[in-house]
Protein backbone atom coordinates (compact mmCIF):
# COMPACT_ATOMS: atom_id res chain seq x y z
CA MET A 1 1.07 5.13 -14.65
CA SER A 2 -2.26 3.71 -12.45
CA MET A 3 -1.72 0.51 -11.27
CA THR A 4 -2.98 -1.09 -7.98
CA ILE A 5 -1.50 -3.95 -5.54
CA ASP A 6 -5.23 -5.77 -4.48
CA TYR A 7 -4.97 -8.01 -1.40
CA ALA A 8 -7.93 -10.25 0.06
CA THR A 9 -8.40 -12.70 2.64
CA VAL A 10 -8.62 -16.21 1.16
CA GLU A 11 -10.88 -17.29 4.22
CA PRO A 12 -13.53 -15.58 6.27
CA ILE A 13 -12.43 -13.87 9.70
CA GLN A 14 -13.84 -13.07 12.90
CA VAL A 15 -14.70 -9.50 13.17
CA ALA A 16 -12.43 -8.91 16.37
CA ILE A 17 -9.44 -9.88 13.76
CA TYR A 18 -10.50 -7.44 11.39
CA GLN A 19 -10.59 -4.78 14.34
CA LYS A 20 -6.91 -5.57 15.38
CA MET A 21 -5.86 -5.68 11.83
CA ASN A 22 -7.53 -2.11 10.98
CA ALA A 23 -5.94 -1.09 14.12
CA ASP A 24 -2.66 -1.88 12.79
CA SER A 25 -3.34 -0.43 9.59
CA ASP A 26 -4.17 2.96 11.47
CA HIS A 27 -1.07 2.77 13.14
CA LEU A 28 0.91 1.99 9.85
CA LEU A 29 -0.79 5.31 8.59
CA ARG A 30 0.50 7.60 10.78
CA SER A 31 4.12 6.07 11.30
CA TYR A 32 4.77 5.07 7.95
CA ASP A 33 5.57 7.45 5.14
CA TRP A 34 3.73 6.23 2.19
CA TRP A 35 4.30 7.16 -1.36
CA ALA A 36 0.92 6.87 -3.33
CA GLU A 37 -1.68 5.40 -1.01
CA PRO A 38 -1.51 4.14 2.32
CA LEU A 39 -2.65 0.41 3.10
CA THR A 40 -6.08 0.22 3.46
CA ILE A 41 -8.52 -2.76 4.21
CA THR A 42 -12.52 -3.01 4.37
CA TYR A 43 -14.38 -6.01 6.08
CA ASP A 44 -17.28 -7.54 4.12
CA LYS A 45 -19.83 -8.43 6.37
CA ASN A 46 -21.83 -10.90 3.78
CA SER A 47 -18.56 -12.98 3.18
CA LYS A 48 -16.51 -11.83 6.15
CA ARG A 49 -13.42 -11.45 4.10
CA VAL A 50 -11.27 -8.62 4.34
CA ASP A 51 -9.79 -6.72 1.40
CA GLY A 52 -7.97 -3.65 0.35
CA SER A 53 -6.27 -2.14 -2.70
CA THR A 54 -3.43 0.72 -2.66
CA ARG A 55 -2.25 2.49 -5.44
CA ILE A 56 1.41 1.78 -6.44
CA PHE A 57 2.62 5.06 -8.48
CA LEU A 58 2.09 8.43 -8.01
CA GLY A 59 3.32 9.71 -11.21
CA SER A 60 2.88 13.66 -11.32
CA TYR A 61 1.09 15.59 -8.91
CA THR A 62 -0.35 19.11 -8.17
CA THR A 63 0.11 21.27 -5.22
CA ASP A 64 -1.36 24.90 -4.23
CA ASN A 65 -4.81 23.52 -5.45
CA GLY A 66 -3.73 22.71 -8.84
CA LYS A 67 -1.61 25.50 -9.60
CA THR A 68 1.93 23.72 -9.56
CA LEU A 69 2.67 20.33 -11.52
CA VAL A 70 5.31 18.30 -9.76
CA ARG A 71 7.12 15.88 -12.05
CA VAL A 72 8.08 12.61 -10.64
CA THR A 73 10.70 10.66 -12.54
CA GLU A 74 9.79 7.25 -13.72
CA ALA A 75 12.94 5.82 -11.63
CA GLU A 76 11.82 7.75 -8.48
CA ASP A 77 8.15 6.58 -8.70
CA TYR A 78 9.56 2.53 -9.19
CA LEU A 79 11.76 2.90 -6.34
CA LEU A 80 9.13 4.16 -3.89
CA ALA A 81 6.46 2.02 -5.26
CA CYS A 82 8.87 -0.86 -4.59
CA ASN A 83 9.17 0.34 -1.21
CA ASP A 84 5.43 0.99 -0.13
CA ASP A 85 4.74 -2.64 -1.74
CA ARG A 86 7.53 -4.53 0.66
CA LYS A 87 6.01 -2.78 3.62
CA ILE A 88 2.47 -4.07 2.52
CA ILE A 89 3.35 -7.72 1.88
CA LYS A 90 5.29 -7.65 5.08
CA GLN A 91 2.08 -6.53 6.91
CA LEU A 92 0.23 -9.10 5.22
CA GLU A 93 2.61 -11.52 6.09
CA SER A 94 2.67 -10.48 9.69
CA TRP A 95 -1.45 -10.81 9.79
CA SER A 96 -0.95 -13.94 7.87
CA LYS A 97 1.19 -15.66 10.57
CA SER A 98 -0.39 -13.96 13.61
CA TYR A 99 -4.15 -14.69 12.82
CA SER A 100 -3.45 -18.18 10.67
CA ILE A 101 -5.07 -16.43 7.39
CA SER A 102 -4.23 -16.49 3.78
CA TRP A 103 -4.09 -13.92 1.33
CA LYS A 104 -4.56 -13.42 -2.28
CA VAL A 105 -2.54 -10.91 -3.83
CA ASP A 106 -3.02 -9.40 -7.19
CA VAL A 107 -1.74 -6.53 -9.63
CA SER A 108 -4.72 -4.26 -11.04
CA GLY A 109 -6.74 -7.21 -10.51
CA GLU A 110 -4.62 -9.91 -12.04
CA PRO A 111 -3.42 -12.60 -9.94
CA LEU A 112 -0.09 -12.55 -8.67
CA GLY A 113 0.13 -14.77 -5.76
CA ASN A 114 -0.60 -15.92 -2.06
CA ILE A 115 0.52 -15.07 1.45
CA VAL A 116 0.11 -18.48 3.27
CA ASN A 117 1.38 -19.24 7.05
CA GLY A 118 3.43 -15.86 6.78
CA GLN A 119 5.23 -17.00 3.43
CA THR A 120 4.97 -15.14 0.23
CA ASP A 121 5.16 -16.88 -3.24
CA LYS A 122 8.36 -16.01 -4.72
CA GLU A 123 6.13 -14.76 -7.98
CA VAL A 124 4.75 -11.65 -5.49
CA TYR A 125 8.25 -10.43 -4.26
CA GLU A 126 9.89 -10.98 -7.87
CA PHE A 127 7.37 -8.62 -9.45
CA VAL A 128 7.83 -5.91 -6.36
CA ASN A 129 11.78 -6.33 -6.94
CA TRP A 130 11.62 -5.83 -10.55
CA TYR A 131 10.23 -2.07 -9.78
CA CYS A 132 13.53 -1.36 -7.43
CA GLU A 133 15.37 -2.88 -10.25
CA LYS A 134 13.89 -0.41 -13.06
CA SER A 135 14.54 2.49 -11.10
CA GLN A 136 18.43 1.83 -11.02
CA LEU A 137 18.40 4.04 -8.07
CA PRO A 138 20.06 2.84 -4.60
CA GLU A 139 17.55 2.37 -2.05
CA SER A 140 19.64 4.70 0.23
CA ALA A 141 17.73 7.25 -1.81
CA ILE A 142 14.30 6.74 -0.24
CA PRO A 143 14.19 9.07 2.60
CA GLU A 144 15.61 11.67 0.78
CA LEU A 145 13.09 11.38 -2.08
CA LEU A 146 10.14 10.98 0.21
CA LYS A 147 11.24 14.29 1.58
CA LYS A 148 11.70 15.86 -1.73
CA PHE A 149 8.06 15.02 -2.34
CA GLU A 150 6.70 16.18 0.82
CA SER A 151 4.26 18.45 -0.76
CA ARG A 152 2.25 15.09 -1.88
CA LYS A 153 0.52 14.50 1.61
CA GLU A 154 -2.46 16.32 2.85
CA PRO A 155 -2.80 16.01 6.40
CA ILE A 156 -4.13 12.92 7.88
CA PRO A 157 -7.64 13.57 9.75
CA PRO A 158 -8.13 12.42 13.57
CA LYS A 159 -9.97 9.07 12.78
CA VAL A 160 -9.43 8.05 9.05
CA SER A 161 -12.22 5.43 9.14
CA GLN A 162 -14.45 8.18 10.07
CA ALA A 163 -13.35 10.17 7.31
CA LYS A 164 -16.14 10.91 4.79
CA ASP A 165 -13.90 12.16 1.58
CA SER A 166 -10.83 10.73 0.69
CA TRP A 167 -7.92 12.56 2.66
CA TRP A 168 -4.91 11.23 0.39
CA LYS A 169 -3.86 13.06 -2.88
CA PHE A 170 -5.03 10.62 -5.64
CA TRP A 171 -3.99 12.06 -9.23
């Protein structure tokens, strides 16, 4: 299943604010165990807006240069997607509150809701919480599942923003 959570600032922002947000994003990349893809942001110099898109579900993936297929159950994928989406939304809320910016949130290009003054529209959380409910797995299983699927990750390059190729396993 291929689905993304997409996020973009509503109003233009100063490049200095983007740089602070980018540093936060880089810190999260290194300190949080992302399931499918990490929160990433880019700055459009023309519109002066920030946007990003993160793949939500991982599904099955391969290791050993494509030799071994690792299967992920739908329940596991839903629970871990929910966990990442909540982390992304919390970070967007923090930036919204800290820098007085608003975000629009979409799922695979379809409007879902907004984050304004650090407050998220209920539709956004309802959609994300639906993943957790659909999984029927306890949230306490998340650390064990992340450990179980540790082989999904590749080493993070020293400066992610300077990486020429995608370093995260996209399948």
